[in-house]
Amino acid sequence: MRLLWLTLALAFAVIVPFVIWGGRFDQWLTVEGVSALVRGWGAWGWAAIILLLVGDLFLPIPSTLVMSAAGLIYGAFSGGLLAASGSFLSGATAYALCRSLGQGIAARLVGAEDLRRGELLFAQRGPWLIALSRAVPVLPEVIACLAGLTRMPAPSFFLALACGSIAVGFIYAGIGAAGVQQPALALGGSVLAPALLWLVTRRLLR
């Protein structure tokens, strides 16, 4: 039960900045607004893309807009690489920060019994949760934090994170490069593609 409350608390912590400052960010955080910001960095625009995506852990930054802006500015391939890299670094940062708390602190936060259940869940279903969550608002940060807290095995976590980040990054960058606004198509593709990538990867590993 305490693990559930922690999950809700993490989700709440991610949503609160949107409620407080989301209106201000919306004034400039559109694909065009992000593109103008990135171009303002000149030759370091690629770094702005990655920093914005990692900053999504702490600020109300819609990552899909940043990924689309990456495709608009750098093209589908280079923009996709930047978007995937930023998404991967964001998930890796959340995982590393929460895992660094240590098992003792994690047990005090959620309780020893809930921690064991969480460890079992992420050992069995963690890769699917990680890969599929990259396409859904709020969940990427929450799931990555929980994976670190329950000490999900690092190889499984980073492999699943790569599958989700690559698929989502290239899909949204491709949409930005094409100048197409089809959110339903993007969402569907960004959910199915990570699942397919993880299925293929798992079979190859076996």
C-alpha atoms as a PDB file:
ATOM      1  CA  MET A   1       0.000   0.000   0.000  1.00  0.00           C
ATOM      2  CA  ARG A   2       2.814   2.401   0.819  1.00  0.00           C
ATOM      3  CA  LEU A   3       4.320   1.751  -2.622  1.00  0.00           C
ATOM      4  CA  LEU A   4       1.009   2.787  -4.179  1.00  0.00           C
ATOM      5  CA  TRP A   5       0.955   5.993  -2.137  1.00  0.00           C
ATOM      6  CA  LEU A   6       4.536   6.723  -3.170  1.00  0.00           C
ATOM      7  CA  THR A   7       3.585   6.202  -6.814  1.00  0.00           C
ATOM      8  CA  LEU A   8       0.728   8.664  -6.468  1.00  0.00           C
ATOM      9  CA  ALA A   9       2.986  11.113  -4.652  1.00  0.00           C
ATOM     10  CA  LEU A  10       5.572  10.953  -7.454  1.00  0.00           C
ATOM     11  CA  ALA A  11       2.868  11.502 -10.069  1.00  0.00           C
ATOM     12  CA  PHE A  12       1.517  14.414  -8.037  1.00  0.00           C
ATOM     13  CA  ALA A  13       5.003  15.923  -7.787  1.00  0.00           C
ATOM     14  CA  VAL A  14       5.318  15.797 -11.581  1.00  0.00           C
ATOM     15  CA  ILE A  15       1.849  17.260 -12.195  1.00  0.00           C
ATOM     16  CA  VAL A  16       2.031  20.124  -9.674  1.00  0.00           C
ATOM     17  CA  PRO A  17       4.519  22.222 -11.700  1.00  0.00           C
ATOM     18  CA  PHE A  18       2.156  21.980 -14.693  1.00  0.00           C
ATOM     19  CA  VAL A  19      -0.681  23.302 -12.549  1.00  0.00           C
ATOM     20  CA  ILE A  20       1.392  26.145 -11.095  1.00  0.00           C
ATOM     21  CA  TRP A  21       3.542  27.214 -14.038  1.00  0.00           C
ATOM     22  CA  GLY A  22       2.057  25.377 -16.992  1.00  0.00           C
ATOM     23  CA  GLY A  23       0.216  28.457 -18.258  1.00  0.00           C
ATOM     24  CA  ARG A  24       3.409  30.481 -18.374  1.00  0.00           C
ATOM     25  CA  PHE A  25       5.275  27.722 -20.167  1.00  0.00           C
ATOM     26  CA  ASP A  26       2.467  27.311 -22.699  1.00  0.00           C
ATOM     27  CA  GLN A  27       3.038  30.865 -23.868  1.00  0.00           C
ATOM     28  CA  TRP A  28       6.292  29.827 -25.518  1.00  0.00           C
ATOM     29  CA  LEU A  29       6.466  26.042 -25.248  1.00  0.00           C
ATOM     30  CA  THR A  30       5.062  25.094 -28.621  1.00  0.00           C
ATOM     31  CA  VAL A  31       6.998  23.427 -31.433  1.00  0.00           C
ATOM     32  CA  GLU A  32       7.651  26.887 -32.859  1.00  0.00           C
ATOM     33  CA  GLY A  33       8.565  28.292 -29.451  1.00  0.00           C
ATOM     34  CA  VAL A  34      10.979  25.466 -28.681  1.00  0.00           C
ATOM     35  CA  SER A  35      12.469  25.775 -32.163  1.00  0.00           C
ATOM     36  CA  ALA A  36      13.134  29.475 -31.617  1.00  0.00           C
ATOM     37  CA  LEU A  37      14.751  28.730 -28.251  1.00  0.00           C
ATOM     38  CA  VAL A  38      16.962  26.010 -29.711  1.00  0.00           C
ATOM     39  CA  ARG A  39      18.030  28.147 -32.663  1.00  0.00           C
ATOM     40  CA  GLY A  40      18.950  30.862 -30.189  1.00  0.00           C
ATOM     41  CA  TRP A  41      21.643  28.518 -28.832  1.00  0.00           C
ATOM     42  CA  GLY A  42      23.328  28.544 -32.228  1.00  0.00           C
ATOM     43  CA  ALA A  43      25.787  25.694 -32.657  1.00  0.00           C
ATOM     44  CA  TRP A  44      24.824  24.415 -29.189  1.00  0.00           C
ATOM     45  CA  GLY A  45      21.196  23.915 -30.136  1.00  0.00           C
ATOM     46  CA  TRP A  46      21.586  20.149 -29.864  1.00  0.00           C
ATOM     47  CA  ALA A  47      22.547  20.586 -26.211  1.00  0.00           C
ATOM     48  CA  ALA A  48      19.403  22.650 -25.600  1.00  0.00           C
ATOM     49  CA  ILE A  49      17.281  19.761 -26.915  1.00  0.00           C
ATOM     50  CA  ILE A  50      18.890  17.287 -24.533  1.00  0.00           C
ATOM     51  CA  LEU A  51      18.778  19.670 -21.554  1.00  0.00           C
ATOM     52  CA  LEU A  52      15.082  20.362 -22.112  1.00  0.00           C
ATOM     53  CA  LEU A  53      14.299  16.648 -22.240  1.00  0.00           C
ATOM     54  CA  VAL A  54      16.281  15.914 -19.077  1.00  0.00           C
ATOM     55  CA  GLY A  55      14.742  18.999 -17.464  1.00  0.00           C
ATOM     56  CA  ASP A  56      11.343  17.382 -17.929  1.00  0.00           C
ATOM     57  CA  LEU A  57      12.151  15.540 -14.701  1.00  0.00           C
ATOM     58  CA  PHE A  58      11.884  18.781 -12.754  1.00  0.00           C
ATOM     59  CA  LEU A  59       9.958  21.286 -14.894  1.00  0.00           C
ATOM     60  CA  PRO A  60       6.645  21.265 -16.827  1.00  0.00           C
ATOM     61  CA  ILE A  61       8.235  20.676 -20.232  1.00  0.00           C
ATOM     62  CA  PRO A  62       6.142  18.618 -22.698  1.00  0.00           C
ATOM     63  CA  SER A  63       8.810  16.297 -24.047  1.00  0.00           C
ATOM     64  CA  THR A  64       6.902  15.420 -27.221  1.00  0.00           C
ATOM     65  CA  LEU A  65       7.032  19.070 -28.335  1.00  0.00           C
ATOM     66  CA  VAL A  66      10.774  19.151 -27.771  1.00  0.00           C
ATOM     67  CA  MET A  67      11.214  15.947 -29.780  1.00  0.00           C
ATOM     68  CA  SER A  68       9.124  17.346 -32.626  1.00  0.00           C
ATOM     69  CA  ALA A  69      11.180  20.544 -32.575  1.00  0.00           C
ATOM     70  CA  ALA A  70      14.340  18.435 -32.807  1.00  0.00           C
ATOM     71  CA  GLY A  71      13.002  16.849 -35.991  1.00  0.00           C
ATOM     72  CA  LEU A  72      11.910  20.208 -37.384  1.00  0.00           C
ATOM     73  CA  ILE A  73      15.368  21.734 -36.910  1.00  0.00           C
ATOM     74  CA  TYR A  74      17.743  18.819 -37.426  1.00  0.00           C
ATOM     75  CA  GLY A  75      15.716  16.496 -39.624  1.00  0.00           C
ATOM     76  CA  ALA A  76      14.177  13.113 -38.937  1.00  0.00           C
ATOM     77  CA  PHE A  77      17.443  11.205 -38.426  1.00  0.00           C
ATOM     78  CA  SER A  78      19.640  13.661 -36.513  1.00  0.00           C
ATOM     79  CA  GLY A  79      16.629  15.019 -34.647  1.00  0.00           C
ATOM     80  CA  GLY A  80      15.594  11.473 -33.804  1.00  0.00           C
ATOM     81  CA  LEU A  81      19.038  10.728 -32.389  1.00  0.00           C
ATOM     82  CA  LEU A  82      18.871  13.847 -30.224  1.00  0.00           C
ATOM     83  CA  ALA A  83      15.324  13.125 -29.061  1.00  0.00           C
ATOM     84  CA  ALA A  84      16.146   9.502 -28.237  1.00  0.00           C
ATOM     85  CA  SER A  85      19.334  10.513 -26.419  1.00  0.00           C
ATOM     86  CA  GLY A  86      17.541  13.129 -24.329  1.00  0.00           C
ATOM     87  CA  SER A  87      14.741  10.744 -23.420  1.00  0.00           C
ATOM     88  CA  PHE A  88      17.249   8.035 -22.511  1.00  0.00           C
ATOM     89  CA  LEU A  89      19.300  10.395 -20.326  1.00  0.00           C
ATOM     90  CA  SER A  90      16.146  11.597 -18.577  1.00  0.00           C
ATOM     91  CA  GLY A  91      15.096   8.051 -17.661  1.00  0.00           C
ATOM     92  CA  ALA A  92      18.644   7.073 -16.689  1.00  0.00           C
ATOM     93  CA  THR A  93      18.938  10.110 -14.404  1.00  0.00           C
ATOM     94  CA  ALA A  94      15.673   9.310 -12.615  1.00  0.00           C
ATOM     95  CA  TYR A  95      16.698   5.667 -12.200  1.00  0.00           C
ATOM     96  CA  ALA A  96      20.183   6.489 -10.913  1.00  0.00           C
ATOM     97  CA  LEU A  97      18.980   9.137  -8.456  1.00  0.00           C
ATOM     98  CA  CYS A  98      16.386   6.840  -6.883  1.00  0.00           C
ATOM     99  CA  ARG A  99      18.625   3.781  -6.881  1.00  0.00           C
ATOM    100  CA  SER A 100      21.346   5.781  -5.122  1.00  0.00           C
ATOM    101  CA  LEU A 101      19.063   6.101  -2.084  1.00  0.00           C
ATOM    102  CA  GLY A 102      19.978   2.534  -1.142  1.00  0.00           C
ATOM    103  CA  GLN A 103      17.825  -0.400  -0.130  1.00  0.00           C
ATOM    104  CA  GLY A 104      17.622   0.690   3.516  1.00  0.00           C
ATOM    105  CA  ILE A 105      16.108   4.071   2.716  1.00  0.00           C
ATOM    106  CA  ALA A 106      13.826   2.503   0.089  1.00  0.00           C
ATOM    107  CA  ALA A 107      12.532   0.033   2.694  1.00  0.00           C
ATOM    108  CA  ARG A 108      11.826   2.869   5.132  1.00  0.00           C
ATOM    109  CA  LEU A 109       9.994   4.822   2.433  1.00  0.00           C
ATOM    110  CA  VAL A 110       7.664   2.080   1.211  1.00  0.00           C
ATOM    111  CA  GLY A 111       7.985  -0.657   3.810  1.00  0.00           C
ATOM    112  CA  ALA A 112       9.896  -3.913   3.513  1.00  0.00           C
ATOM    113  CA  GLU A 113       6.913  -5.929   2.271  1.00  0.00           C
ATOM    114  CA  ASP A 114       5.892  -3.404  -0.396  1.00  0.00           C
ATOM    115  CA  LEU A 115       9.506  -3.105  -1.476  1.00  0.00           C
ATOM    116  CA  ARG A 116       9.689  -6.873  -2.021  1.00  0.00           C
ATOM    117  CA  ARG A 117       6.489  -6.763  -4.056  1.00  0.00           C
ATOM    118  CA  GLY A 118       7.845  -3.879  -6.102  1.00  0.00           C
ATOM    119  CA  GLU A 119      11.100  -5.709  -6.706  1.00  0.00           C
ATOM    120  CA  LEU A 120       9.165  -8.757  -7.902  1.00  0.00           C
ATOM    121  CA  LEU A 121       6.947  -6.645 -10.166  1.00  0.00           C
ATOM    122  CA  PHE A 122       9.859  -4.849 -11.820  1.00  0.00           C
ATOM    123  CA  ALA A 123      11.883  -8.044 -12.108  1.00  0.00           C
ATOM    124  CA  GLN A 124       9.009  -9.682 -14.026  1.00  0.00           C
ATOM    125  CA  ARG A 125       7.218  -6.818 -15.795  1.00  0.00           C
ATOM    126  CA  GLY A 126       9.668  -3.961 -15.457  1.00  0.00           C
ATOM    127  CA  PRO A 127      10.981  -3.978 -19.051  1.00  0.00           C
ATOM    128  CA  TRP A 128       7.451  -3.677 -20.445  1.00  0.00           C
ATOM    129  CA  LEU A 129       6.594  -0.892 -18.004  1.00  0.00           C
ATOM    130  CA  ILE A 130       9.750   1.018 -18.861  1.00  0.00           C
ATOM    131  CA  ALA A 131       9.476   0.655 -22.646  1.00  0.00           C
ATOM    132  CA  LEU A 132       5.764   1.485 -22.911  1.00  0.00           C
ATOM    133  CA  SER A 133       5.783   4.329 -20.386  1.00  0.00           C
ATOM    134  CA  ARG A 134       8.073   6.517 -22.530  1.00  0.00           C
ATOM    135  CA  ALA A 135       5.082   7.448 -24.697  1.00  0.00           C
ATOM    136  CA  VAL A 136       2.744   8.506 -21.882  1.00  0.00           C
ATOM    137  CA  PRO A 137       2.793  11.874 -20.069  1.00  0.00           C
ATOM    138  CA  VAL A 138       3.948  11.839 -16.412  1.00  0.00           C
ATOM    139  CA  LEU A 139       4.516   8.058 -16.340  1.00  0.00           C
ATOM    140  CA  PRO A 140       8.087   8.034 -17.740  1.00  0.00           C
ATOM    141  CA  GLU A 141       9.466   9.901 -14.732  1.00  0.00           C
ATOM    142  CA  VAL A 142       7.378   7.978 -12.194  1.00  0.00           C
ATOM    143  CA  ILE A 143       8.154   4.511 -13.606  1.00  0.00           C
ATOM    144  CA  ALA A 144      11.869   5.237 -13.929  1.00  0.00           C
ATOM    145  CA  CYS A 145      11.991   6.454 -10.321  1.00  0.00           C
ATOM    146  CA  LEU A 146      10.170   3.351  -9.083  1.00  0.00           C
ATOM    147  CA  ALA A 147      12.499   1.125 -11.097  1.00  0.00           C
ATOM    148  CA  GLY A 148      15.465   2.700  -9.347  1.00  0.00           C
ATOM    149  CA  LEU A 149      13.836   2.554  -5.935  1.00  0.00           C
ATOM    150  CA  THR A 150      13.036  -1.162  -6.297  1.00  0.00           C
ATOM    151  CA  ARG A 151      16.525  -1.779  -7.690  1.00  0.00           C
ATOM    152  CA  MET A 152      15.380  -3.204 -11.002  1.00  0.00           C
ATOM    153  CA  PRO A 153      18.385  -4.948 -12.637  1.00  0.00           C
ATOM    154  CA  ALA A 154      20.316  -2.290 -14.542  1.00  0.00           C
ATOM    155  CA  PRO A 155      20.838  -4.286 -17.784  1.00  0.00           C
ATOM    156  CA  SER A 156      17.097  -4.920 -18.164  1.00  0.00           C
ATOM    157  CA  PHE A 157      16.237  -1.340 -17.268  1.00  0.00           C
ATOM    158  CA  PHE A 158      18.641   0.322 -19.693  1.00  0.00           C
ATOM    159  CA  LEU A 159      17.806  -2.050 -22.540  1.00  0.00           C
ATOM    160  CA  ALA A 160      14.065  -1.437 -22.143  1.00  0.00           C
ATOM    161  CA  LEU A 161      14.689   2.291 -21.716  1.00  0.00           C
ATOM    162  CA  ALA A 162      16.646   2.325 -24.969  1.00  0.00           C
ATOM    163  CA  CYS A 163      13.817   0.537 -26.808  1.00  0.00           C
ATOM    164  CA  GLY A 164      11.238   3.023 -25.580  1.00  0.00           C
ATOM    165  CA  SER A 165      13.394   6.108 -26.054  1.00  0.00           C
ATOM    166  CA  ILE A 166      14.551   5.232 -29.567  1.00  0.00           C
ATOM    167  CA  ALA A 167      11.026   4.486 -30.781  1.00  0.00           C
ATOM    168  CA  VAL A 168       9.407   7.544 -29.233  1.00  0.00           C
ATOM    169  CA  GLY A 169      12.283   9.856 -30.161  1.00  0.00           C
ATOM    170  CA  PHE A 170      12.332   8.942 -33.837  1.00  0.00           C
ATOM    171  CA  ILE A 171       8.549   8.928 -34.193  1.00  0.00           C
ATOM    172  CA  TYR A 172       8.088  12.444 -32.833  1.00  0.00           C
ATOM    173  CA  ALA A 173      11.189  13.771 -34.589  1.00  0.00           C
ATOM    174  CA  GLY A 174       9.848  12.334 -37.840  1.00  0.00           C
ATOM    175  CA  ILE A 175       6.534  14.075 -37.290  1.00  0.00           C
ATOM    176  CA  GLY A 176       8.336  17.346 -36.596  1.00  0.00           C
ATOM    177  CA  ALA A 177      10.498  16.964 -39.711  1.00  0.00           C
ATOM    178  CA  ALA A 178       7.435  16.300 -41.843  1.00  0.00           C
ATOM    179  CA  GLY A 179       5.544  19.201 -40.322  1.00  0.00           C
ATOM    180  CA  VAL A 180       2.569  16.933 -39.654  1.00  0.00           C
ATOM    181  CA  GLN A 181       0.315  17.414 -36.648  1.00  0.00           C
ATOM    182  CA  GLN A 182      -1.340  14.052 -36.017  1.00  0.00           C
ATOM    183  CA  PRO A 183      -1.226  13.449 -32.257  1.00  0.00           C
ATOM    184  CA  ALA A 184      -3.377  10.291 -32.401  1.00  0.00           C
ATOM    185  CA  LEU A 185      -1.079   8.692 -34.977  1.00  0.00           C
ATOM    186  CA  ALA A 186       1.986   9.745 -33.007  1.00  0.00           C
ATOM    187  CA  LEU A 187       0.645   8.362 -29.737  1.00  0.00           C
ATOM    188  CA  GLY A 188      -0.361   5.059 -31.317  1.00  0.00           C
ATOM    189  CA  GLY A 189       2.990   4.624 -33.001  1.00  0.00           C
ATOM    190  CA  SER A 190       4.957   5.619 -29.926  1.00  0.00           C
ATOM    191  CA  VAL A 191       3.141   2.965 -27.860  1.00  0.00           C
ATOM    192  CA  LEU A 192       3.347   0.121 -30.399  1.00  0.00           C
ATOM    193  CA  ALA A 193       6.912   0.730 -31.569  1.00  0.00           C
ATOM    194  CA  PRO A 194       8.576   0.334 -28.133  1.00  0.00           C
ATOM    195  CA  ALA A 195       6.615  -2.877 -27.568  1.00  0.00           C
ATOM    196  CA  LEU A 196       7.748  -4.301 -30.903  1.00  0.00           C
ATOM    197  CA  LEU A 197      11.339  -3.233 -30.289  1.00  0.00           C
ATOM    198  CA  TRP A 198      11.354  -4.897 -26.879  1.00  0.00           C
ATOM    199  CA  LEU A 199       9.845  -8.107 -28.300  1.00  0.00           C
ATOM    200  CA  VAL A 200      12.516  -8.285 -30.992  1.00  0.00           C
ATOM    201  CA  THR A 201      15.310  -7.432 -28.561  1.00  0.00           C
ATOM    202  CA  ARG A 202      14.174 -10.011 -26.031  1.00  0.00           C
ATOM    203  CA  ARG A 203      14.040 -12.728 -28.674  1.00  0.00           C
ATOM    204  CA  LEU A 204      17.510 -11.829 -29.951  1.00  0.00           C
ATOM    205  CA  LEU A 205      18.911 -11.941 -26.418  1.00  0.00           C
ATOM    206  CA  ARG A 206      17.403 -15.373 -25.878  1.00  0.00           C
END
